[in-house]
């Protein structure tokens, strides 16, 4: 998931317009400098004699760099909707052409339909054998098959893009009406009396694509909240270490004084 998150955020940064990036970079450097100053001098609020040493300046530098990176990422995440659209398009195209996934999903759909309509499969060869097929003798059989493809497509997306799936939560459910409309449209425009399974893959991919794109604006907000939370947590390290050093120095100074 972390790798997927880093990859997506990197794509967001790469998609930032060069002029906009220059402006954001200048702003981030300014905020980084302010962060360095804050990290260097905030201990003087309670310990005016404390002097920041080289090792402390290194920590201040880390805090400043994190501020620069976080500012750029916070702005770049605005491109997430565009990046998600590209990722889903690429994934759906590969899914349709993935013969291995298609064969595995066909077998799952085959047995899912057969479990409920075993009599309809009399004399039908098993998956992997010649002339194997799923009989579509009623709308419910077709719905079970297409819904199986949708569920497996969701599982495939979850495996390939765990961060996006966690944030967007691809919903496996698909309306029966949508499947029936596609079936009716297919038989209205062709003389073939068997519903082709490749259309089930297309429906599954399109269903997930529409579902995820609807949620992508909210994902921008979620991702920014994650970045802010990570920024605050990580910033606690240099600020905390320097504050602890200042406190120890103050305690030692008081002990000597008394």
C-alpha atoms as a PDB file:
ATOM      1  CA  UNK A   1       0.000   0.000   0.000  1.00  0.00           C
ATOM      2  CA  UNK A   2       2.844   2.419   0.870  1.00  0.00           C
ATOM      3  CA  UNK A   3       4.466   1.780  -2.501  1.00  0.00           C
ATOM      4  CA  UNK A   4       1.179   2.449  -4.282  1.00  0.00           C
ATOM      5  CA  UNK A   5       0.721   5.660  -2.266  1.00  0.00           C
ATOM      6  CA  UNK A   6       4.230   6.907  -3.129  1.00  0.00           C
ATOM      7  CA  UNK A   7       3.767   6.023  -6.803  1.00  0.00           C
ATOM      8  CA  UNK A   8       0.456   7.900  -7.036  1.00  0.00           C
ATOM      9  CA  UNK A   9       1.756  10.972  -5.195  1.00  0.00           C
ATOM     10  CA  UNK A  10       4.839  10.992  -7.463  1.00  0.00           C
ATOM     11  CA  UNK A  11       2.582  10.992 -10.505  1.00  0.00           C
ATOM     12  CA  UNK A  12       0.627  13.881  -9.021  1.00  0.00           C
ATOM     13  CA  UNK A  13       3.833  15.917  -8.611  1.00  0.00           C
ATOM     14  CA  UNK A  14       4.967  15.088 -12.158  1.00  0.00           C
ATOM     15  CA  UNK A  15       1.612  16.325 -13.503  1.00  0.00           C
ATOM     16  CA  UNK A  16       1.980  19.801 -11.947  1.00  0.00           C
ATOM     17  CA  UNK A  17       2.374  22.582 -14.515  1.00  0.00           C
ATOM     18  CA  UNK A  18       5.979  23.851 -14.625  1.00  0.00           C
ATOM     19  CA  UNK A  19       5.001  27.470 -13.920  1.00  0.00           C
ATOM     20  CA  UNK A  20       2.733  26.499 -11.060  1.00  0.00           C
ATOM     21  CA  UNK A  21       5.412  24.185  -9.706  1.00  0.00           C
ATOM     22  CA  UNK A  22       7.957  27.032  -9.625  1.00  0.00           C
ATOM     23  CA  UNK A  23       5.560  29.200  -7.622  1.00  0.00           C
ATOM     24  CA  UNK A  24       4.695  26.385  -5.208  1.00  0.00           C
ATOM     25  CA  UNK A  25       8.385  25.598  -4.801  1.00  0.00           C
ATOM     26  CA  UNK A  26       9.163  29.208  -3.858  1.00  0.00           C
ATOM     27  CA  UNK A  27       6.319  29.187  -1.331  1.00  0.00           C
ATOM     28  CA  UNK A  28       7.478  25.869   0.100  1.00  0.00           C
ATOM     29  CA  UNK A  29      11.056  27.152   0.455  1.00  0.00           C
ATOM     30  CA  UNK A  30       9.754  30.209   2.302  1.00  0.00           C
ATOM     31  CA  UNK A  31       7.698  28.016   4.640  1.00  0.00           C
ATOM     32  CA  UNK A  32      10.717  25.737   5.071  1.00  0.00           C
ATOM     33  CA  UNK A  33      12.857  28.699   6.121  1.00  0.00           C
ATOM     34  CA  UNK A  34      10.177  29.824   8.585  1.00  0.00           C
ATOM     35  CA  UNK A  35      10.009  26.290   9.953  1.00  0.00           C
ATOM     36  CA  UNK A  36      13.815  26.270  10.417  1.00  0.00           C
ATOM     37  CA  UNK A  37      13.626  29.526  12.352  1.00  0.00           C
ATOM     38  CA  UNK A  38      10.725  28.301  14.465  1.00  0.00           C
ATOM     39  CA  UNK A  39      12.490  25.061  15.245  1.00  0.00           C
ATOM     40  CA  UNK A  40      15.701  26.938  16.131  1.00  0.00           C
ATOM     41  CA  UNK A  41      14.200  29.599  18.379  1.00  0.00           C
ATOM     42  CA  UNK A  42      10.998  28.243  19.905  1.00  0.00           C
ATOM     43  CA  UNK A  43      12.864  26.828  22.922  1.00  0.00           C
ATOM     44  CA  UNK A  44      13.780  30.371  23.932  1.00  0.00           C
ATOM     45  CA  UNK A  45      10.188  30.870  24.953  1.00  0.00           C
ATOM     46  CA  UNK A  46      11.088  29.160  28.221  1.00  0.00           C
ATOM     47  CA  UNK A  47      14.916  28.875  28.069  1.00  0.00           C
ATOM     48  CA  UNK A  48      16.417  32.149  26.840  1.00  0.00           C
ATOM     49  CA  UNK A  49      20.016  31.005  27.384  1.00  0.00           C
ATOM     50  CA  UNK A  50      19.716  27.818  25.314  1.00  0.00           C
ATOM     51  CA  UNK A  51      21.901  27.869  22.181  1.00  0.00           C
ATOM     52  CA  UNK A  52      21.125  25.584  19.245  1.00  0.00           C
ATOM     53  CA  UNK A  53      24.152  23.511  18.304  1.00  0.00           C
ATOM     54  CA  UNK A  54      25.158  21.884  15.019  1.00  0.00           C
ATOM     55  CA  UNK A  55      23.246  18.659  15.716  1.00  0.00           C
ATOM     56  CA  UNK A  56      20.173  20.720  16.512  1.00  0.00           C
ATOM     57  CA  UNK A  57      20.507  22.655  13.266  1.00  0.00           C
ATOM     58  CA  UNK A  58      20.559  19.337  11.427  1.00  0.00           C
ATOM     59  CA  UNK A  59      17.213  18.506  13.017  1.00  0.00           C
ATOM     60  CA  UNK A  60      15.932  21.966  12.083  1.00  0.00           C
ATOM     61  CA  UNK A  61      17.082  21.290   8.519  1.00  0.00           C
ATOM     62  CA  UNK A  62      15.133  18.022   8.483  1.00  0.00           C
ATOM     63  CA  UNK A  63      12.025  19.857   9.691  1.00  0.00           C
ATOM     64  CA  UNK A  64      12.509  22.476   6.947  1.00  0.00           C
ATOM     65  CA  UNK A  65      12.960  19.860   4.208  1.00  0.00           C
ATOM     66  CA  UNK A  66       9.842  18.046   5.375  1.00  0.00           C
ATOM     67  CA  UNK A  67       7.951  21.331   5.211  1.00  0.00           C
ATOM     68  CA  UNK A  68       9.092  21.916   1.623  1.00  0.00           C
ATOM     69  CA  UNK A  69       8.142  18.393   0.549  1.00  0.00           C
ATOM     70  CA  UNK A  70       4.790  18.474   2.338  1.00  0.00           C
ATOM     71  CA  UNK A  71       3.839  21.835   0.794  1.00  0.00           C
ATOM     72  CA  UNK A  72       4.598  20.613  -2.731  1.00  0.00           C
ATOM     73  CA  UNK A  73       2.720  17.366  -2.167  1.00  0.00           C
ATOM     74  CA  UNK A  74      -0.266  19.151  -0.638  1.00  0.00           C
ATOM     75  CA  UNK A  75      -0.614  21.240  -3.803  1.00  0.00           C
ATOM     76  CA  UNK A  76       0.163  18.385  -6.213  1.00  0.00           C
ATOM     77  CA  UNK A  77      -2.547  16.140  -4.771  1.00  0.00           C
ATOM     78  CA  UNK A  78      -5.036  18.389  -6.578  1.00  0.00           C
ATOM     79  CA  UNK A  79      -4.079  16.372  -9.687  1.00  0.00           C
ATOM     80  CA  UNK A  80      -5.242  13.167  -8.046  1.00  0.00           C
ATOM     81  CA  UNK A  81      -8.587  13.120  -9.885  1.00  0.00           C
ATOM     82  CA  UNK A  82      -6.767  13.284 -13.226  1.00  0.00           C
ATOM     83  CA  UNK A  83      -4.232  10.627 -12.170  1.00  0.00           C
ATOM     84  CA  UNK A  84      -6.972   8.314 -10.872  1.00  0.00           C
ATOM     85  CA  UNK A  85      -8.783   8.648 -14.200  1.00  0.00           C
ATOM     86  CA  UNK A  86      -5.620   7.615 -16.060  1.00  0.00           C
ATOM     87  CA  UNK A  87      -4.910   4.722 -13.704  1.00  0.00           C
ATOM     88  CA  UNK A  88      -8.441   3.357 -14.010  1.00  0.00           C
ATOM     89  CA  UNK A  89      -8.388   3.679 -17.807  1.00  0.00           C
ATOM     90  CA  UNK A  90      -5.066   1.838 -18.004  1.00  0.00           C
ATOM     91  CA  UNK A  91      -6.243  -0.840 -15.591  1.00  0.00           C
ATOM     92  CA  UNK A  92      -9.564  -1.430 -17.377  1.00  0.00           C
ATOM     93  CA  UNK A  93      -7.855  -1.730 -20.783  1.00  0.00           C
ATOM     94  CA  UNK A  94      -5.388  -4.282 -19.448  1.00  0.00           C
ATOM     95  CA  UNK A  95      -8.173  -6.186 -17.731  1.00  0.00           C
ATOM     96  CA  UNK A  96     -10.090  -6.640 -20.963  1.00  0.00           C
ATOM     97  CA  UNK A  97      -6.943  -7.985 -22.669  1.00  0.00           C
ATOM     98  CA  UNK A  98      -5.796 -10.166 -19.750  1.00  0.00           C
ATOM     99  CA  UNK A  99      -6.413 -13.718 -21.010  1.00  0.00           C
ATOM    100  CA  UNK A 100      -5.225 -15.343 -17.783  1.00  0.00           C
ATOM    101  CA  UNK A 101      -7.587 -13.274 -15.651  1.00  0.00           C
ATOM    102  CA  UNK A 102     -10.360 -13.922 -18.151  1.00  0.00           C
ATOM    103  CA  UNK A 103      -9.859 -17.695 -17.989  1.00  0.00           C
ATOM    104  CA  UNK A 104      -9.796 -17.747 -14.184  1.00  0.00           C
ATOM    105  CA  UNK A 105     -12.849 -15.524 -13.896  1.00  0.00           C
ATOM    106  CA  UNK A 106     -14.685 -17.571 -16.518  1.00  0.00           C
ATOM    107  CA  UNK A 107     -14.202 -20.696 -14.380  1.00  0.00           C
ATOM    108  CA  UNK A 108     -15.459 -18.908 -11.264  1.00  0.00           C
ATOM    109  CA  UNK A 109     -18.517 -17.596 -13.136  1.00  0.00           C
ATOM    110  CA  UNK A 110     -19.123 -20.998 -14.704  1.00  0.00           C
ATOM    111  CA  UNK A 111     -19.389 -22.757 -11.346  1.00  0.00           C
ATOM    112  CA  UNK A 112     -21.301 -19.877  -9.747  1.00  0.00           C
ATOM    113  CA  UNK A 113     -24.042 -20.190 -12.363  1.00  0.00           C
ATOM    114  CA  UNK A 114     -23.881 -23.970 -12.386  1.00  0.00           C
ATOM    115  CA  UNK A 115     -24.360 -24.121  -8.614  1.00  0.00           C
ATOM    116  CA  UNK A 116     -27.789 -22.533  -8.954  1.00  0.00           C
ATOM    117  CA  UNK A 117     -28.798 -23.948 -12.342  1.00  0.00           C
ATOM    118  CA  UNK A 118     -27.134 -27.332 -12.487  1.00  0.00           C
ATOM    119  CA  UNK A 119     -29.759 -28.808 -14.835  1.00  0.00           C
ATOM    120  CA  UNK A 120     -28.970 -26.214 -17.471  1.00  0.00           C
ATOM    121  CA  UNK A 121     -25.369 -27.488 -17.604  1.00  0.00           C
ATOM    122  CA  UNK A 122     -26.168 -31.034 -18.654  1.00  0.00           C
ATOM    123  CA  UNK A 123     -23.645 -32.023 -21.307  1.00  0.00           C
ATOM    124  CA  UNK A 124     -21.786 -28.699 -21.047  1.00  0.00           C
ATOM    125  CA  UNK A 125     -17.978 -29.214 -20.973  1.00  0.00           C
ATOM    126  CA  UNK A 126     -16.031 -27.997 -17.937  1.00  0.00           C
ATOM    127  CA  UNK A 127     -13.829 -24.865 -18.115  1.00  0.00           C
ATOM    128  CA  UNK A 128     -10.629 -25.525 -20.022  1.00  0.00           C
ATOM    129  CA  UNK A 129     -12.259 -28.093 -22.289  1.00  0.00           C
ATOM    130  CA  UNK A 130     -13.293 -27.562 -25.877  1.00  0.00           C
ATOM    131  CA  UNK A 131     -16.725 -26.007 -26.462  1.00  0.00           C
ATOM    132  CA  UNK A 132     -17.060 -25.086 -22.791  1.00  0.00           C
ATOM    133  CA  UNK A 133     -19.575 -22.275 -22.353  1.00  0.00           C
ATOM    134  CA  UNK A 134     -22.001 -20.764 -19.882  1.00  0.00           C
ATOM    135  CA  UNK A 135     -25.606 -21.170 -21.027  1.00  0.00           C
ATOM    136  CA  UNK A 136     -27.680 -18.033 -20.623  1.00  0.00           C
ATOM    137  CA  UNK A 137     -31.198 -19.434 -20.635  1.00  0.00           C
ATOM    138  CA  UNK A 138     -32.616 -16.657 -18.463  1.00  0.00           C
ATOM    139  CA  UNK A 139     -31.735 -13.188 -17.210  1.00  0.00           C
ATOM    140  CA  UNK A 140     -30.782 -14.421 -13.750  1.00  0.00           C
ATOM    141  CA  UNK A 141     -28.064 -16.693 -15.130  1.00  0.00           C
ATOM    142  CA  UNK A 142     -26.601 -13.779 -17.054  1.00  0.00           C
ATOM    143  CA  UNK A 143     -26.809 -11.536 -13.991  1.00  0.00           C
ATOM    144  CA  UNK A 144     -24.947 -14.067 -11.833  1.00  0.00           C
ATOM    145  CA  UNK A 145     -22.244 -14.331 -14.461  1.00  0.00           C
ATOM    146  CA  UNK A 146     -21.768 -10.590 -14.958  1.00  0.00           C
ATOM    147  CA  UNK A 147     -21.900  -9.913 -11.209  1.00  0.00           C
ATOM    148  CA  UNK A 148     -19.152 -12.514 -10.727  1.00  0.00           C
ATOM    149  CA  UNK A 149     -17.022 -10.679 -13.270  1.00  0.00           C
ATOM    150  CA  UNK A 150     -17.628  -7.399 -11.432  1.00  0.00           C
ATOM    151  CA  UNK A 151     -16.628  -8.944  -8.085  1.00  0.00           C
ATOM    152  CA  UNK A 152     -13.456 -10.422  -9.563  1.00  0.00           C
ATOM    153  CA  UNK A 153     -12.621  -7.132 -11.276  1.00  0.00           C
ATOM    154  CA  UNK A 154     -12.913  -5.345  -7.906  1.00  0.00           C
ATOM    155  CA  UNK A 155     -10.591  -7.926  -6.365  1.00  0.00           C
ATOM    156  CA  UNK A 156      -8.092  -7.436  -9.192  1.00  0.00           C
ATOM    157  CA  UNK A 157      -8.125  -3.641  -8.759  1.00  0.00           C
ATOM    158  CA  UNK A 158      -7.688  -4.042  -5.010  1.00  0.00           C
ATOM    159  CA  UNK A 159      -4.599  -6.199  -5.540  1.00  0.00           C
ATOM    160  CA  UNK A 160      -2.961  -3.884  -8.074  1.00  0.00           C
ATOM    161  CA  UNK A 161      -3.849  -0.585  -6.374  1.00  0.00           C
ATOM    162  CA  UNK A 162      -4.312  -1.197  -2.632  1.00  0.00           C
ATOM    163  CA  UNK A 163      -4.036   2.484  -1.657  1.00  0.00           C
ATOM    164  CA  UNK A 164      -6.610   3.668  -4.183  1.00  0.00           C
ATOM    165  CA  UNK A 165      -8.886   0.784  -3.315  1.00  0.00           C
ATOM    166  CA  UNK A 166      -8.596   1.643   0.380  1.00  0.00           C
ATOM    167  CA  UNK A 167      -9.373   5.283  -0.291  1.00  0.00           C
ATOM    168  CA  UNK A 168     -12.023   4.792  -2.969  1.00  0.00           C
ATOM    169  CA  UNK A 169     -13.477   1.429  -1.944  1.00  0.00           C
ATOM    170  CA  UNK A 170     -14.571  -0.067  -5.245  1.00  0.00           C
ATOM    171  CA  UNK A 171     -18.076  -1.386  -4.752  1.00  0.00           C
ATOM    172  CA  UNK A 172     -18.632  -4.839  -6.270  1.00  0.00           C
ATOM    173  CA  UNK A 173     -22.412  -4.553  -6.458  1.00  0.00           C
ATOM    174  CA  UNK A 174     -23.911  -3.826  -9.863  1.00  0.00           C
ATOM    175  CA  UNK A 175     -27.538  -3.163 -10.673  1.00  0.00           C
ATOM    176  CA  UNK A 176     -29.508  -5.882 -12.393  1.00  0.00           C
ATOM    177  CA  UNK A 177     -31.094  -3.225 -14.587  1.00  0.00           C
ATOM    178  CA  UNK A 178     -27.702  -2.233 -16.009  1.00  0.00           C
ATOM    179  CA  UNK A 179     -26.941  -5.825 -16.964  1.00  0.00           C
ATOM    180  CA  UNK A 180     -30.373  -6.381 -18.480  1.00  0.00           C
ATOM    181  CA  UNK A 181     -30.063  -3.195 -20.520  1.00  0.00           C
ATOM    182  CA  UNK A 182     -26.767  -4.381 -21.977  1.00  0.00           C
ATOM    183  CA  UNK A 183     -28.212  -7.817 -22.740  1.00  0.00           C
ATOM    184  CA  UNK A 184     -31.228  -6.305 -24.470  1.00  0.00           C
ATOM    185  CA  UNK A 185     -29.043  -3.875 -26.387  1.00  0.00           C
ATOM    186  CA  UNK A 186     -26.783  -6.699 -27.542  1.00  0.00           C
ATOM    187  CA  UNK A 187     -29.598  -8.951 -28.776  1.00  0.00           C
ATOM    188  CA  UNK A 188     -31.312  -5.994 -30.411  1.00  0.00           C
ATOM    189  CA  UNK A 189     -28.240  -5.231 -32.508  1.00  0.00           C
ATOM    190  CA  UNK A 190     -27.073  -8.754 -33.392  1.00  0.00           C
ATOM    191  CA  UNK A 191     -28.497 -12.022 -34.645  1.00  0.00           C
ATOM    192  CA  UNK A 192     -26.212 -14.150 -32.435  1.00  0.00           C
ATOM    193  CA  UNK A 193     -28.210 -15.946 -29.742  1.00  0.00           C
ATOM    194  CA  UNK A 194     -25.370 -16.251 -27.194  1.00  0.00           C
ATOM    195  CA  UNK A 195     -24.299 -13.398 -24.947  1.00  0.00           C
ATOM    196  CA  UNK A 196     -20.489 -12.924 -25.286  1.00  0.00           C
ATOM    197  CA  UNK A 197     -18.502 -12.934 -22.061  1.00  0.00           C
ATOM    198  CA  UNK A 198     -16.133 -10.177 -23.167  1.00  0.00           C
ATOM    199  CA  UNK A 199     -19.050  -7.798 -22.686  1.00  0.00           C
ATOM    200  CA  UNK A 200     -19.228  -8.911 -19.053  1.00  0.00           C
ATOM    201  CA  UNK A 201     -15.594  -7.854 -18.632  1.00  0.00           C
ATOM    202  CA  UNK A 202     -16.293  -4.499 -20.271  1.00  0.00           C
ATOM    203  CA  UNK A 203     -19.338  -3.952 -18.041  1.00  0.00           C
ATOM    204  CA  UNK A 204     -17.331  -4.890 -14.940  1.00  0.00           C
ATOM    205  CA  UNK A 205     -14.476  -2.529 -15.794  1.00  0.00           C
ATOM    206  CA  UNK A 206     -16.817   0.340 -16.696  1.00  0.00           C
ATOM    207  CA  UNK A 207     -18.872  -0.170 -13.535  1.00  0.00           C
ATOM    208  CA  UNK A 208     -15.792   0.104 -11.342  1.00  0.00           C
ATOM    209  CA  UNK A 209     -14.435   3.033 -13.372  1.00  0.00           C
ATOM    210  CA  UNK A 210     -17.629   5.064 -12.929  1.00  0.00           C
ATOM    211  CA  UNK A 211     -17.853   4.086  -9.277  1.00  0.00           C
ATOM    212  CA  UNK A 212     -14.302   5.136  -8.458  1.00  0.00           C
ATOM    213  CA  UNK A 213     -14.338   8.379 -10.415  1.00  0.00           C
ATOM    214  CA  UNK A 214     -17.419   9.489  -8.475  1.00  0.00           C
ATOM    215  CA  UNK A 215     -15.405   9.167  -5.271  1.00  0.00           C
ATOM    216  CA  UNK A 216     -12.115  10.673  -6.466  1.00  0.00           C
ATOM    217  CA  UNK A 217     -12.850  14.297  -5.358  1.00  0.00           C
ATOM    218  CA  UNK A 218     -13.362  13.039  -1.800  1.00  0.00           C
ATOM    219  CA  UNK A 219     -10.123  11.075  -2.154  1.00  0.00           C
ATOM    220  CA  UNK A 220      -8.251  14.347  -2.720  1.00  0.00           C
ATOM    221  CA  UNK A 221      -9.496  15.595   0.639  1.00  0.00           C
ATOM    222  CA  UNK A 222      -8.670  12.285   2.355  1.00  0.00           C
ATOM    223  CA  UNK A 223      -5.162  12.213   0.892  1.00  0.00           C
ATOM    224  CA  UNK A 224      -4.503  15.777   2.020  1.00  0.00           C
ATOM    225  CA  UNK A 225      -5.638  14.913   5.524  1.00  0.00           C
ATOM    226  CA  UNK A 226      -3.215  11.972   5.499  1.00  0.00           C
ATOM    227  CA  UNK A 227      -0.373  14.234   4.341  1.00  0.00           C
ATOM    228  CA  UNK A 228      -1.132  16.788   7.065  1.00  0.00           C
ATOM    229  CA  UNK A 229      -1.268  14.067   9.711  1.00  0.00           C
ATOM    230  CA  UNK A 230       2.044  12.565   8.539  1.00  0.00           C
ATOM    231  CA  UNK A 231       3.612  16.036   8.452  1.00  0.00           C
ATOM    232  CA  UNK A 232       2.583  16.812  12.023  1.00  0.00           C
ATOM    233  CA  UNK A 233       3.674  13.415  13.331  1.00  0.00           C
ATOM    234  CA  UNK A 234       7.094  13.578  11.684  1.00  0.00           C
ATOM    235  CA  UNK A 235       7.629  17.224  12.694  1.00  0.00           C
ATOM    236  CA  UNK A 236       7.172  16.211  16.319  1.00  0.00           C
ATOM    237  CA  UNK A 237      10.507  14.378  16.138  1.00  0.00           C
ATOM    238  CA  UNK A 238      12.910  17.315  15.522  1.00  0.00           C
ATOM    239  CA  UNK A 239      10.834  19.757  17.595  1.00  0.00           C
ATOM    240  CA  UNK A 240      10.536  17.193  20.386  1.00  0.00           C
ATOM    241  CA  UNK A 241      14.241  16.339  20.436  1.00  0.00           C
ATOM    242  CA  UNK A 242      15.327  19.981  20.513  1.00  0.00           C
ATOM    243  CA  UNK A 243      12.730  20.781  23.170  1.00  0.00           C
ATOM    244  CA  UNK A 244      13.966  17.861  25.273  1.00  0.00           C
ATOM    245  CA  UNK A 245      17.572  19.042  24.948  1.00  0.00           C
ATOM    246  CA  UNK A 246      16.568  22.572  25.988  1.00  0.00           C
ATOM    247  CA  UNK A 247      14.652  21.197  28.991  1.00  0.00           C
ATOM    248  CA  UNK A 248      17.631  19.096  30.102  1.00  0.00           C
ATOM    249  CA  UNK A 249      19.958  22.064  29.725  1.00  0.00           C
ATOM    250  CA  UNK A 250      17.578  24.221  31.746  1.00  0.00           C
ATOM    251  CA  UNK A 251      17.382  21.609  34.495  1.00  0.00           C
ATOM    252  CA  UNK A 252      21.174  21.281  34.655  1.00  0.00           C
ATOM    253  CA  UNK A 253      21.566  25.057  34.751  1.00  0.00           C
ATOM    254  CA  UNK A 254      19.069  25.338  37.634  1.00  0.00           C
ATOM    255  CA  UNK A 255      20.807  22.541  39.550  1.00  0.00           C
ATOM    256  CA  UNK A 256      24.156  24.321  39.201  1.00  0.00           C
ATOM    257  CA  UNK A 257      22.607  27.616  40.197  1.00  0.00           C
ATOM    258  CA  UNK A 258      21.089  26.168  43.370  1.00  0.00           C
END
